[in-house]
């Protein structure tokens, strides 16, 4: 959820652990990091206009390659918008030497165009690469307004539905429209053998992911846990009744050992978050994914868990930032186990 939205009450023993309702096929389950450069060190001086233009020039070249190689020459709306801004910023008009724009003779302190200046956070993310340490994502950089998400809070408020809830098979799904698009892409890329969902809610999200596995021709299964078991069935879904306060009883280690990898773990129960993450961590392997939904209200538990497991998880910015920085209910919390 957006930071200033009303908090949803935690479930208790009398209330179900409610849910809030993502390219190319990857054969080796090793997502590629399309990193252009080293990026800036947090706290480094703000680049000059010429520096920003040089970085924009590199991005423009990468953008043109992406459109041609990955999209068959067909640009998206954003591609067209970005290309227009970058072209105007880095390519001189008739009779203007390119050196006056990007070369050593370029004015080092000439202010960049306002539209290019607004792209500075995007350029930073592009240079930092795909997989980023959580602590780096939380650092506020000089000259930039602190912003957890590029999605306006009002837009995020409406992202699950303005009156009715987004639904799957007639059941409330409690996903944002952004996550509704992100999860299929993640499942297709990861091709999980096991999806562990903590917080079944109505059961719609487990049905949805089971349907995705079937439609993609994948052999994976969904294990969905909640204190109240939904009264529905699916050939790819196993609903377990249990309390996440006693996660070791609900999902014993010996049972987890028998579950095939890669895993996609989705924590959305809002109960015993730190204890659940600690219990699952030893069983998560390199390349598995851990998603903590509604992380804006779980930040203390999440930060403590990551401090206890330094270097074990990286934020996958392909998904957290697919529609803009943190355009998801999982702020900085779509992780790949490394």
C-alpha atoms as a PDB file:
ATOM      1  CA  UNK A   1       0.000   0.000   0.000  1.00  0.00           C
ATOM      2  CA  UNK A   2       1.023   3.601  -0.367  1.00  0.00           C
ATOM      3  CA  UNK A   3       2.621   5.004   2.784  1.00  0.00           C
ATOM      4  CA  UNK A   4      -0.241   7.228   3.877  1.00  0.00           C
ATOM      5  CA  UNK A   5      -3.090   4.843   3.220  1.00  0.00           C
ATOM      6  CA  UNK A   6      -5.089   3.496   6.197  1.00  0.00           C
ATOM      7  CA  UNK A   7      -3.499   0.438   7.740  1.00  0.00           C
ATOM      8  CA  UNK A   8      -5.399  -2.809   7.438  1.00  0.00           C
ATOM      9  CA  UNK A   9      -5.930  -4.432  10.861  1.00  0.00           C
ATOM     10  CA  UNK A  10      -3.941  -7.561  11.530  1.00  0.00           C
ATOM     11  CA  UNK A  11      -5.931 -10.794  11.519  1.00  0.00           C
ATOM     12  CA  UNK A  12      -6.407 -12.701  14.751  1.00  0.00           C
ATOM     13  CA  UNK A  13      -7.595 -16.143  15.696  1.00  0.00           C
ATOM     14  CA  UNK A  14     -11.188 -15.152  15.040  1.00  0.00           C
ATOM     15  CA  UNK A  15     -10.485 -13.451  11.764  1.00  0.00           C
ATOM     16  CA  UNK A  16      -8.994 -15.014   8.598  1.00  0.00           C
ATOM     17  CA  UNK A  17      -5.498 -13.932   7.634  1.00  0.00           C
ATOM     18  CA  UNK A  18      -6.698 -11.833   4.708  1.00  0.00           C
ATOM     19  CA  UNK A  19      -4.832 -11.312   1.470  1.00  0.00           C
ATOM     20  CA  UNK A  20      -4.514  -8.164  -0.487  1.00  0.00           C
ATOM     21  CA  UNK A  21      -5.819  -8.637  -3.369  1.00  0.00           C
ATOM     22  CA  UNK A  22       3.925 -10.116 -13.125  1.00  0.00           C
ATOM     23  CA  UNK A  23       9.778 -11.152 -21.382  1.00  0.00           C
ATOM     24  CA  UNK A  24      11.407 -13.900 -22.210  1.00  0.00           C
ATOM     25  CA  UNK A  25      11.367 -17.482 -21.011  1.00  0.00           C
ATOM     26  CA  UNK A  26      14.450 -18.131 -18.958  1.00  0.00           C
ATOM     27  CA  UNK A  27      15.838 -21.611 -19.326  1.00  0.00           C
ATOM     28  CA  UNK A  28      18.435 -21.636 -16.528  1.00  0.00           C
ATOM     29  CA  UNK A  29      16.485 -19.735 -13.837  1.00  0.00           C
ATOM     30  CA  UNK A  30      19.256 -17.107 -13.666  1.00  0.00           C
ATOM     31  CA  UNK A  31      17.762 -13.703 -14.463  1.00  0.00           C
ATOM     32  CA  UNK A  32      20.137 -11.508 -16.410  1.00  0.00           C
ATOM     33  CA  UNK A  33      21.265  -8.238 -14.865  1.00  0.00           C
ATOM     34  CA  UNK A  34      21.092  -5.636 -17.644  1.00  0.00           C
ATOM     35  CA  UNK A  35      23.480  -3.338 -15.809  1.00  0.00           C
ATOM     36  CA  UNK A  36      24.990  -0.508 -17.809  1.00  0.00           C
ATOM     37  CA  UNK A  37      27.519   0.926 -15.425  1.00  0.00           C
ATOM     38  CA  UNK A  38      28.614   1.162 -11.841  1.00  0.00           C
ATOM     39  CA  UNK A  39      26.095   3.839 -10.916  1.00  0.00           C
ATOM     40  CA  UNK A  40      26.534   6.469  -8.271  1.00  0.00           C
ATOM     41  CA  UNK A  41      27.636   5.894  -4.750  1.00  0.00           C
ATOM     42  CA  UNK A  42      24.857   6.979  -2.358  1.00  0.00           C
ATOM     43  CA  UNK A  43      25.782  10.416  -1.039  1.00  0.00           C
ATOM     44  CA  UNK A  44      27.974  11.296  -4.043  1.00  0.00           C
ATOM     45  CA  UNK A  45      27.751  14.845  -5.476  1.00  0.00           C
ATOM     46  CA  UNK A  46      24.944  15.506  -7.907  1.00  0.00           C
ATOM     47  CA  UNK A  47      26.214  15.166 -11.519  1.00  0.00           C
ATOM     48  CA  UNK A  48      26.573  18.232 -13.707  1.00  0.00           C
ATOM     49  CA  UNK A  49      24.417  18.841 -16.745  1.00  0.00           C
ATOM     50  CA  UNK A  50      27.116  17.420 -19.046  1.00  0.00           C
ATOM     51  CA  UNK A  51      27.453  14.288 -16.875  1.00  0.00           C
ATOM     52  CA  UNK A  52      23.717  13.799 -16.965  1.00  0.00           C
ATOM     53  CA  UNK A  53      23.689  14.170 -20.765  1.00  0.00           C
ATOM     54  CA  UNK A  54      26.463  11.599 -21.106  1.00  0.00           C
ATOM     55  CA  UNK A  55      24.509   9.112 -19.006  1.00  0.00           C
ATOM     56  CA  UNK A  56      21.401   9.886 -21.042  1.00  0.00           C
ATOM     57  CA  UNK A  57      23.364   9.148 -24.230  1.00  0.00           C
ATOM     58  CA  UNK A  58      24.277   5.698 -22.943  1.00  0.00           C
ATOM     59  CA  UNK A  59      20.665   5.070 -21.990  1.00  0.00           C
ATOM     60  CA  UNK A  60      19.477   6.152 -25.439  1.00  0.00           C
ATOM     61  CA  UNK A  61      21.783   3.616 -27.106  1.00  0.00           C
ATOM     62  CA  UNK A  62      20.552   0.866 -24.789  1.00  0.00           C
ATOM     63  CA  UNK A  63      16.928   1.883 -25.389  1.00  0.00           C
ATOM     64  CA  UNK A  64      17.329   1.643 -29.168  1.00  0.00           C
ATOM     65  CA  UNK A  65      18.933  -1.817 -28.833  1.00  0.00           C
ATOM     66  CA  UNK A  66      16.132  -3.005 -26.555  1.00  0.00           C
ATOM     67  CA  UNK A  67      13.412  -1.855 -28.948  1.00  0.00           C
ATOM     68  CA  UNK A  68      15.098  -3.570 -31.873  1.00  0.00           C
ATOM     69  CA  UNK A  69      16.323  -6.787 -30.222  1.00  0.00           C
ATOM     70  CA  UNK A  70      13.688  -7.515 -27.563  1.00  0.00           C
ATOM     71  CA  UNK A  71      10.542  -5.965 -29.041  1.00  0.00           C
ATOM     72  CA  UNK A  72      10.953  -6.548 -32.770  1.00  0.00           C
ATOM     73  CA  UNK A  73      11.345  -2.844 -33.439  1.00  0.00           C
ATOM     74  CA  UNK A  74       8.010  -1.908 -31.826  1.00  0.00           C
ATOM     75  CA  UNK A  75       8.296   0.732 -29.061  1.00  0.00           C
ATOM     76  CA  UNK A  76       5.991   1.089 -26.065  1.00  0.00           C
ATOM     77  CA  UNK A  77       4.337   4.380 -25.133  1.00  0.00           C
ATOM     78  CA  UNK A  78       7.086   4.928 -22.575  1.00  0.00           C
ATOM     79  CA  UNK A  79       9.806   4.047 -25.103  1.00  0.00           C
ATOM     80  CA  UNK A  80       8.548   6.808 -27.407  1.00  0.00           C
ATOM     81  CA  UNK A  81       8.328   9.297 -24.543  1.00  0.00           C
ATOM     82  CA  UNK A  82      11.787   8.430 -23.222  1.00  0.00           C
ATOM     83  CA  UNK A  83      13.403   8.427 -26.662  1.00  0.00           C
ATOM     84  CA  UNK A  84      12.019  11.890 -27.427  1.00  0.00           C
ATOM     85  CA  UNK A  85      13.429  13.352 -24.211  1.00  0.00           C
ATOM     86  CA  UNK A  86      16.798  11.648 -24.552  1.00  0.00           C
ATOM     87  CA  UNK A  87      17.168  12.562 -28.217  1.00  0.00           C
ATOM     88  CA  UNK A  88      16.448  16.220 -27.552  1.00  0.00           C
ATOM     89  CA  UNK A  89      18.902  16.218 -24.649  1.00  0.00           C
ATOM     90  CA  UNK A  90      21.903  14.476 -26.182  1.00  0.00           C
ATOM     91  CA  UNK A  91      21.749  14.943 -29.959  1.00  0.00           C
ATOM     92  CA  UNK A  92      22.679  18.379 -31.361  1.00  0.00           C
ATOM     93  CA  UNK A  93      20.734  20.228 -33.995  1.00  0.00           C
ATOM     94  CA  UNK A  94      22.012  20.806 -37.564  1.00  0.00           C
ATOM     95  CA  UNK A  95      25.506  22.284 -37.629  1.00  0.00           C
ATOM     96  CA  UNK A  96      26.156  21.818 -33.882  1.00  0.00           C
ATOM     97  CA  UNK A  97      29.251  19.643 -33.176  1.00  0.00           C
ATOM     98  CA  UNK A  98      28.465  16.675 -30.956  1.00  0.00           C
ATOM     99  CA  UNK A  99      31.438  17.687 -28.776  1.00  0.00           C
ATOM    100  CA  UNK A 100      29.573  20.778 -27.657  1.00  0.00           C
ATOM    101  CA  UNK A 101      26.889  18.511 -26.196  1.00  0.00           C
ATOM    102  CA  UNK A 102      28.724  15.478 -24.834  1.00  0.00           C
ATOM    103  CA  UNK A 103      32.453  15.970 -25.413  1.00  0.00           C
ATOM    104  CA  UNK A 104      35.240  17.632 -23.385  1.00  0.00           C
ATOM    105  CA  UNK A 105      34.160  21.053 -24.636  1.00  0.00           C
ATOM    106  CA  UNK A 106      30.653  20.640 -23.230  1.00  0.00           C
ATOM    107  CA  UNK A 107      29.794  23.190 -20.523  1.00  0.00           C
ATOM    108  CA  UNK A 108      30.276  21.297 -17.274  1.00  0.00           C
ATOM    109  CA  UNK A 109      27.744  23.322 -15.330  1.00  0.00           C
ATOM    110  CA  UNK A 110      25.145  23.978 -17.984  1.00  0.00           C
ATOM    111  CA  UNK A 111      21.797  22.982 -16.552  1.00  0.00           C
ATOM    112  CA  UNK A 112      20.132  19.969 -18.195  1.00  0.00           C
ATOM    113  CA  UNK A 113      16.662  20.341 -19.690  1.00  0.00           C
ATOM    114  CA  UNK A 114      13.901  20.078 -17.063  1.00  0.00           C
ATOM    115  CA  UNK A 115      12.490  16.884 -18.597  1.00  0.00           C
ATOM    116  CA  UNK A 116      15.920  15.241 -18.450  1.00  0.00           C
ATOM    117  CA  UNK A 117      16.367  16.407 -14.866  1.00  0.00           C
ATOM    118  CA  UNK A 118      13.115  14.675 -13.973  1.00  0.00           C
ATOM    119  CA  UNK A 119      14.549  11.472 -15.435  1.00  0.00           C
ATOM    120  CA  UNK A 120      17.507  11.542 -13.042  1.00  0.00           C
ATOM    121  CA  UNK A 121      16.019   8.878 -10.679  1.00  0.00           C
ATOM    122  CA  UNK A 122      15.312   6.652 -13.686  1.00  0.00           C
ATOM    123  CA  UNK A 123      18.900   7.060 -14.889  1.00  0.00           C
ATOM    124  CA  UNK A 124      20.162   6.193 -11.407  1.00  0.00           C
ATOM    125  CA  UNK A 125      18.109   2.995 -11.310  1.00  0.00           C
ATOM    126  CA  UNK A 126      19.193   2.050 -14.822  1.00  0.00           C
ATOM    127  CA  UNK A 127      22.856   2.345 -13.909  1.00  0.00           C
ATOM    128  CA  UNK A 128      22.530   0.552 -10.580  1.00  0.00           C
ATOM    129  CA  UNK A 129      21.387  -2.608 -12.325  1.00  0.00           C
ATOM    130  CA  UNK A 130      18.603  -5.093 -11.753  1.00  0.00           C
ATOM    131  CA  UNK A 131      19.469  -6.708  -8.407  1.00  0.00           C
ATOM    132  CA  UNK A 132      20.050  -4.174  -5.628  1.00  0.00           C
ATOM    133  CA  UNK A 133      20.803  -4.413  -1.934  1.00  0.00           C
ATOM    134  CA  UNK A 134      17.811  -3.428   0.199  1.00  0.00           C
ATOM    135  CA  UNK A 135      19.867  -0.882   2.157  1.00  0.00           C
ATOM    136  CA  UNK A 136      20.864   0.942  -1.031  1.00  0.00           C
ATOM    137  CA  UNK A 137      17.227   1.160  -2.066  1.00  0.00           C
ATOM    138  CA  UNK A 138      16.438   2.871   1.232  1.00  0.00           C
ATOM    139  CA  UNK A 139      19.148   5.547   0.968  1.00  0.00           C
ATOM    140  CA  UNK A 140      17.950   9.038   0.089  1.00  0.00           C
ATOM    141  CA  UNK A 141      20.232  10.635  -2.520  1.00  0.00           C
ATOM    142  CA  UNK A 142      21.276  14.291  -2.472  1.00  0.00           C
ATOM    143  CA  UNK A 143      19.166  16.571  -4.607  1.00  0.00           C
ATOM    144  CA  UNK A 144      16.244  14.137  -4.808  1.00  0.00           C
ATOM    145  CA  UNK A 145      12.976  14.345  -2.962  1.00  0.00           C
ATOM    146  CA  UNK A 146      12.411  11.301  -0.739  1.00  0.00           C
ATOM    147  CA  UNK A 147       9.861   9.131  -2.499  1.00  0.00           C
ATOM    148  CA  UNK A 148       9.024   5.534  -1.750  1.00  0.00           C
ATOM    149  CA  UNK A 149       6.875   5.081  -4.851  1.00  0.00           C
ATOM    150  CA  UNK A 150       6.344   6.878  -8.141  1.00  0.00           C
ATOM    151  CA  UNK A 151       2.662   5.986  -7.961  1.00  0.00           C
ATOM    152  CA  UNK A 152       0.529   8.745  -6.496  1.00  0.00           C
ATOM    153  CA  UNK A 153      -1.093   7.636  -3.211  1.00  0.00           C
ATOM    154  CA  UNK A 154      -4.554   8.323  -4.655  1.00  0.00           C
ATOM    155  CA  UNK A 155      -3.796   6.107  -7.654  1.00  0.00           C
ATOM    156  CA  UNK A 156      -2.544   3.357  -5.371  1.00  0.00           C
ATOM    157  CA  UNK A 157      -5.712   3.690  -3.310  1.00  0.00           C
ATOM    158  CA  UNK A 158      -7.748   2.939  -6.426  1.00  0.00           C
ATOM    159  CA  UNK A 159      -5.480   0.168  -7.711  1.00  0.00           C
ATOM    160  CA  UNK A 160      -7.500  -2.711  -6.238  1.00  0.00           C
ATOM    161  CA  UNK A 161     -10.801  -1.268  -7.422  1.00  0.00           C
ATOM    162  CA  UNK A 162     -12.679   1.963  -6.730  1.00  0.00           C
ATOM    163  CA  UNK A 163     -15.749   0.260  -5.258  1.00  0.00           C
ATOM    164  CA  UNK A 164     -15.679  -3.437  -5.991  1.00  0.00           C
ATOM    165  CA  UNK A 165     -12.515  -5.482  -5.608  1.00  0.00           C
ATOM    166  CA  UNK A 166     -10.546  -6.850  -8.529  1.00  0.00           C
ATOM    167  CA  UNK A 167     -11.805 -10.422  -8.881  1.00  0.00           C
ATOM    168  CA  UNK A 168     -10.741 -13.834 -10.162  1.00  0.00           C
ATOM    169  CA  UNK A 169     -13.393 -16.481 -10.866  1.00  0.00           C
ATOM    170  CA  UNK A 170     -15.837 -14.210  -9.096  1.00  0.00           C
ATOM    171  CA  UNK A 171     -13.839 -14.076  -5.848  1.00  0.00           C
ATOM    172  CA  UNK A 172     -12.166 -10.927  -4.458  1.00  0.00           C
ATOM    173  CA  UNK A 173      -8.485 -11.064  -5.392  1.00  0.00           C
ATOM    174  CA  UNK A 174      -7.092  -8.178  -3.301  1.00  0.00           C
ATOM    175  CA  UNK A 175      -4.234  -7.469  -5.722  1.00  0.00           C
ATOM    176  CA  UNK A 176      -3.294  -4.122  -7.185  1.00  0.00           C
ATOM    177  CA  UNK A 177      -3.564  -3.834 -10.953  1.00  0.00           C
ATOM    178  CA  UNK A 178       0.220  -3.453 -10.971  1.00  0.00           C
ATOM    179  CA  UNK A 179       0.805  -6.729  -9.130  1.00  0.00           C
ATOM    180  CA  UNK A 180      -1.851  -8.409 -11.276  1.00  0.00           C
ATOM    181  CA  UNK A 181       0.462  -7.709 -14.238  1.00  0.00           C
ATOM    182  CA  UNK A 182       3.760  -8.348 -12.419  1.00  0.00           C
ATOM    183  CA  UNK A 183       3.105 -11.815 -10.977  1.00  0.00           C
ATOM    184  CA  UNK A 184       2.456 -13.602 -14.306  1.00  0.00           C
ATOM    185  CA  UNK A 185       5.762 -12.258 -15.665  1.00  0.00           C
ATOM    186  CA  UNK A 186       7.615 -13.363 -12.542  1.00  0.00           C
ATOM    187  CA  UNK A 187       6.023 -16.825 -12.615  1.00  0.00           C
ATOM    188  CA  UNK A 188       6.845 -17.244 -16.311  1.00  0.00           C
ATOM    189  CA  UNK A 189      10.465 -16.234 -15.759  1.00  0.00           C
ATOM    190  CA  UNK A 190      11.011 -18.183 -12.527  1.00  0.00           C
ATOM    191  CA  UNK A 191       8.913 -21.245 -13.496  1.00  0.00           C
ATOM    192  CA  UNK A 192       8.486 -22.205  -9.828  1.00  0.00           C
ATOM    193  CA  UNK A 193       8.020 -25.800  -8.763  1.00  0.00           C
ATOM    194  CA  UNK A 194       6.411 -24.561  -5.541  1.00  0.00           C
ATOM    195  CA  UNK A 195       4.485 -21.387  -4.681  1.00  0.00           C
ATOM    196  CA  UNK A 196       4.002 -20.901  -0.935  1.00  0.00           C
ATOM    197  CA  UNK A 197       1.319 -18.367  -0.113  1.00  0.00           C
ATOM    198  CA  UNK A 198       0.935 -17.177   3.476  1.00  0.00           C
ATOM    199  CA  UNK A 199      -2.560 -15.725   3.788  1.00  0.00           C
ATOM    200  CA  UNK A 200      -5.190 -17.372   1.582  1.00  0.00           C
ATOM    201  CA  UNK A 201      -8.006 -14.891   2.164  1.00  0.00           C
ATOM    202  CA  UNK A 202     -10.874 -15.804  -0.167  1.00  0.00           C
ATOM    203  CA  UNK A 203      -8.627 -18.289  -2.001  1.00  0.00           C
ATOM    204  CA  UNK A 204      -8.827 -16.293  -5.232  1.00  0.00           C
ATOM    205  CA  UNK A 205      -5.109 -15.579  -5.464  1.00  0.00           C
ATOM    206  CA  UNK A 206      -4.211 -19.260  -5.027  1.00  0.00           C
ATOM    207  CA  UNK A 207      -6.745 -20.189  -7.749  1.00  0.00           C
ATOM    208  CA  UNK A 208      -5.287 -17.469  -9.977  1.00  0.00           C
ATOM    209  CA  UNK A 209      -1.721 -18.703  -9.559  1.00  0.00           C
ATOM    210  CA  UNK A 210      -2.823 -22.293 -10.055  1.00  0.00           C
ATOM    211  CA  UNK A 211      -4.518 -21.244 -13.294  1.00  0.00           C
ATOM    212  CA  UNK A 212      -1.357 -19.420 -14.370  1.00  0.00           C
ATOM    213  CA  UNK A 213       0.747 -22.514 -13.789  1.00  0.00           C
ATOM    214  CA  UNK A 214      -1.671 -24.574 -15.876  1.00  0.00           C
ATOM    215  CA  UNK A 215      -1.949 -22.060 -18.704  1.00  0.00           C
ATOM    216  CA  UNK A 216       1.866 -21.744 -18.864  1.00  0.00           C
ATOM    217  CA  UNK A 217       2.240 -25.525 -19.031  1.00  0.00           C
ATOM    218  CA  UNK A 218       4.289 -25.578 -15.810  1.00  0.00           C
ATOM    219  CA  UNK A 219       4.263 -28.464 -13.359  1.00  0.00           C
ATOM    220  CA  UNK A 220       4.317 -26.341 -10.210  1.00  0.00           C
ATOM    221  CA  UNK A 221       2.004 -26.492  -7.219  1.00  0.00           C
ATOM    222  CA  UNK A 222       0.590 -23.883  -4.838  1.00  0.00           C
ATOM    223  CA  UNK A 223       0.570 -24.353  -1.059  1.00  0.00           C
ATOM    224  CA  UNK A 224      -1.705 -21.740   0.521  1.00  0.00           C
ATOM    225  CA  UNK A 225      -1.957 -21.275   4.296  1.00  0.00           C
ATOM    226  CA  UNK A 226      -4.535 -19.447   6.381  1.00  0.00           C
ATOM    227  CA  UNK A 227      -6.196 -19.777   9.758  1.00  0.00           C
ATOM    228  CA  UNK A 228      -9.483 -20.283   7.900  1.00  0.00           C
ATOM    229  CA  UNK A 229      -9.413 -22.698   4.976  1.00  0.00           C
ATOM    230  CA  UNK A 230     -11.294 -21.478   1.864  1.00  0.00           C
ATOM    231  CA  UNK A 231     -14.095 -23.757   0.776  1.00  0.00           C
ATOM    232  CA  UNK A 232     -12.817 -24.164  -2.785  1.00  0.00           C
ATOM    233  CA  UNK A 233     -10.545 -26.590  -4.616  1.00  0.00           C
ATOM    234  CA  UNK A 234      -8.091 -26.558  -7.506  1.00  0.00           C
ATOM    235  CA  UNK A 235      -5.972 -29.416  -8.902  1.00  0.00           C
ATOM    236  CA  UNK A 236      -2.774 -27.363  -8.492  1.00  0.00           C
ATOM    237  CA  UNK A 237      -3.572 -25.893  -5.063  1.00  0.00           C
ATOM    238  CA  UNK A 238      -3.338 -27.368  -1.567  1.00  0.00           C
ATOM    239  CA  UNK A 239      -5.038 -25.236   1.066  1.00  0.00           C
ATOM    240  CA  UNK A 240      -3.687 -25.722   4.590  1.00  0.00           C
ATOM    241  CA  UNK A 241      -5.462 -24.569   7.723  1.00  0.00           C
ATOM    242  CA  UNK A 242      -3.035 -23.160  10.252  1.00  0.00           C
ATOM    243  CA  UNK A 243      -1.920 -20.198  12.311  1.00  0.00           C
ATOM    244  CA  UNK A 244       1.218 -18.347  11.204  1.00  0.00           C
ATOM    245  CA  UNK A 245       1.910 -17.656  14.874  1.00  0.00           C
ATOM    246  CA  UNK A 246       2.837 -21.360  14.959  1.00  0.00           C
ATOM    247  CA  UNK A 247       4.389 -21.571  11.516  1.00  0.00           C
ATOM    248  CA  UNK A 248       6.698 -24.498  12.437  1.00  0.00           C
ATOM    249  CA  UNK A 249       3.612 -26.609  13.113  1.00  0.00           C
ATOM    250  CA  UNK A 250       1.796 -25.522   9.976  1.00  0.00           C
ATOM    251  CA  UNK A 251       4.784 -25.957   7.660  1.00  0.00           C
ATOM    252  CA  UNK A 252       7.299 -28.319   9.297  1.00  0.00           C
ATOM    253  CA  UNK A 253      10.864 -28.379   8.047  1.00  0.00           C
ATOM    254  CA  UNK A 254      10.608 -32.006   6.926  1.00  0.00           C
ATOM    255  CA  UNK A 255       7.609 -31.152   4.760  1.00  0.00           C
ATOM    256  CA  UNK A 256       9.376 -28.152   3.220  1.00  0.00           C
ATOM    257  CA  UNK A 257      12.375 -30.320   2.333  1.00  0.00           C
ATOM    258  CA  UNK A 258      10.119 -32.319   0.029  1.00  0.00           C
ATOM    259  CA  UNK A 259       8.874 -29.285  -1.891  1.00  0.00           C
ATOM    260  CA  UNK A 260      10.488 -28.769  -5.301  1.00  0.00           C
ATOM    261  CA  UNK A 261      12.521 -25.687  -6.175  1.00  0.00           C
ATOM    262  CA  UNK A 262      12.536 -22.946  -7.412  1.00  0.00           C
ATOM    263  CA  UNK A 263      10.199 -21.504  -4.804  1.00  0.00           C
ATOM    264  CA  UNK A 264       8.069 -18.400  -4.954  1.00  0.00           C
ATOM    265  CA  UNK A 265       7.162 -17.437  -1.373  1.00  0.00           C
ATOM    266  CA  UNK A 266       4.511 -14.758  -0.872  1.00  0.00           C
ATOM    267  CA  UNK A 267       4.080 -13.412   2.653  1.00  0.00           C
ATOM    268  CA  UNK A 268       0.737 -11.655   2.980  1.00  0.00           C
ATOM    269  CA  UNK A 269      -0.647 -12.959   6.257  1.00  0.00           C
ATOM    270  CA  UNK A 270       0.305  -9.919   8.389  1.00  0.00           C
ATOM    271  CA  UNK A 271       0.933 -12.277  11.302  1.00  0.00           C
ATOM    272  CA  UNK A 272       4.285 -13.104  12.933  1.00  0.00           C
ATOM    273  CA  UNK A 273       6.111 -11.715   9.892  1.00  0.00           C
ATOM    274  CA  UNK A 274       9.610 -11.925  11.370  1.00  0.00           C
ATOM    275  CA  UNK A 275       9.027 -15.432  12.735  1.00  0.00           C
ATOM    276  CA  UNK A 276       7.682 -16.650   9.401  1.00  0.00           C
ATOM    277  CA  UNK A 277      10.637 -15.244   7.456  1.00  0.00           C
ATOM    278  CA  UNK A 278      13.097 -16.750   9.934  1.00  0.00           C
ATOM    279  CA  UNK A 279      11.425 -20.144   9.594  1.00  0.00           C
ATOM    280  CA  UNK A 280      11.498 -20.137   5.788  1.00  0.00           C
ATOM    281  CA  UNK A 281      14.975 -18.672   5.297  1.00  0.00           C
ATOM    282  CA  UNK A 282      17.054 -21.862   5.833  1.00  0.00           C
ATOM    283  CA  UNK A 283      15.027 -23.667   3.160  1.00  0.00           C
ATOM    284  CA  UNK A 284      15.224 -20.937   0.503  1.00  0.00           C
ATOM    285  CA  UNK A 285      17.875 -21.679  -2.126  1.00  0.00           C
ATOM    286  CA  UNK A 286      19.804 -19.581  -4.610  1.00  0.00           C
ATOM    287  CA  UNK A 287      17.391 -18.287  -7.246  1.00  0.00           C
ATOM    288  CA  UNK A 288      14.232 -18.673  -5.128  1.00  0.00           C
ATOM    289  CA  UNK A 289      12.001 -15.620  -4.716  1.00  0.00           C
ATOM    290  CA  UNK A 290      10.550 -14.083  -1.565  1.00  0.00           C
ATOM    291  CA  UNK A 291       7.819 -11.444  -1.875  1.00  0.00           C
ATOM    292  CA  UNK A 292       6.619  -9.506   1.170  1.00  0.00           C
ATOM    293  CA  UNK A 293       3.364  -7.755   0.306  1.00  0.00           C
ATOM    294  CA  UNK A 294       2.164  -4.586   2.041  1.00  0.00           C
ATOM    295  CA  UNK A 295       5.763  -4.107   3.158  1.00  0.00           C
ATOM    296  CA  UNK A 296       5.246  -0.414   3.930  1.00  0.00           C
ATOM    297  CA  UNK A 297       3.568  -1.500   7.181  1.00  0.00           C
ATOM    298  CA  UNK A 298       6.032  -4.345   7.855  1.00  0.00           C
ATOM    299  CA  UNK A 299       9.247  -2.379   7.439  1.00  0.00           C
ATOM    300  CA  UNK A 300      10.589  -2.977  10.958  1.00  0.00           C
ATOM    301  CA  UNK A 301      10.210  -6.758  10.782  1.00  0.00           C
ATOM    302  CA  UNK A 302      11.599  -6.821   7.242  1.00  0.00           C
ATOM    303  CA  UNK A 303      14.616  -4.655   8.097  1.00  0.00           C
ATOM    304  CA  UNK A 304      15.415  -6.810  11.101  1.00  0.00           C
ATOM    305  CA  UNK A 305      15.194 -10.028   9.070  1.00  0.00           C
ATOM    306  CA  UNK A 306      17.498  -8.655   6.352  1.00  0.00           C
ATOM    307  CA  UNK A 307      19.970  -7.467   9.001  1.00  0.00           C
ATOM    308  CA  UNK A 308      20.054 -11.036  10.333  1.00  0.00           C
ATOM    309  CA  UNK A 309      20.686 -12.448   6.823  1.00  0.00           C
ATOM    310  CA  UNK A 310      23.195  -9.985   5.304  1.00  0.00           C
ATOM    311  CA  UNK A 311      23.807 -10.410   1.585  1.00  0.00           C
ATOM    312  CA  UNK A 312      21.303 -13.252   1.243  1.00  0.00           C
ATOM    313  CA  UNK A 313      18.614 -11.327  -0.659  1.00  0.00           C
ATOM    314  CA  UNK A 314      18.601  -8.718  -3.417  1.00  0.00           C
ATOM    315  CA  UNK A 315      15.678  -6.545  -4.504  1.00  0.00           C
ATOM    316  CA  UNK A 316      14.673  -7.447  -8.077  1.00  0.00           C
ATOM    317  CA  UNK A 317      14.006  -4.014  -9.520  1.00  0.00           C
ATOM    318  CA  UNK A 318      12.707  -5.462 -12.794  1.00  0.00           C
ATOM    319  CA  UNK A 319       9.499  -6.172 -10.915  1.00  0.00           C
ATOM    320  CA  UNK A 320       9.426  -3.579  -8.121  1.00  0.00           C
ATOM    321  CA  UNK A 321       9.974  -0.812 -10.705  1.00  0.00           C
ATOM    322  CA  UNK A 322       8.286  -2.263 -13.792  1.00  0.00           C
ATOM    323  CA  UNK A 323       5.674   0.520 -13.876  1.00  0.00           C
ATOM    324  CA  UNK A 324       7.851   3.046 -12.015  1.00  0.00           C
ATOM    325  CA  UNK A 325       9.674   2.911  -8.711  1.00  0.00           C
ATOM    326  CA  UNK A 326       7.779   0.675  -6.301  1.00  0.00           C
ATOM    327  CA  UNK A 327       4.622   0.527  -8.397  1.00  0.00           C
ATOM    328  CA  UNK A 328       3.560  -2.482  -6.361  1.00  0.00           C
ATOM    329  CA  UNK A 329       2.201  -3.386  -2.939  1.00  0.00           C
ATOM    330  CA  UNK A 330       5.665  -4.863  -2.254  1.00  0.00           C
ATOM    331  CA  UNK A 331       7.796  -1.753  -1.707  1.00  0.00           C
ATOM    332  CA  UNK A 332      11.465  -2.792  -2.155  1.00  0.00           C
ATOM    333  CA  UNK A 333      10.426  -6.324  -1.183  1.00  0.00           C
ATOM    334  CA  UNK A 334      10.416  -8.559  -4.238  1.00  0.00           C
ATOM    335  CA  UNK A 335      13.596 -10.462  -3.381  1.00  0.00           C
ATOM    336  CA  UNK A 336      15.769 -13.003  -5.134  1.00  0.00           C
ATOM    337  CA  UNK A 337      17.771 -15.360  -2.905  1.00  0.00           C
ATOM    338  CA  UNK A 338      21.462 -15.075  -3.776  1.00  0.00           C
END
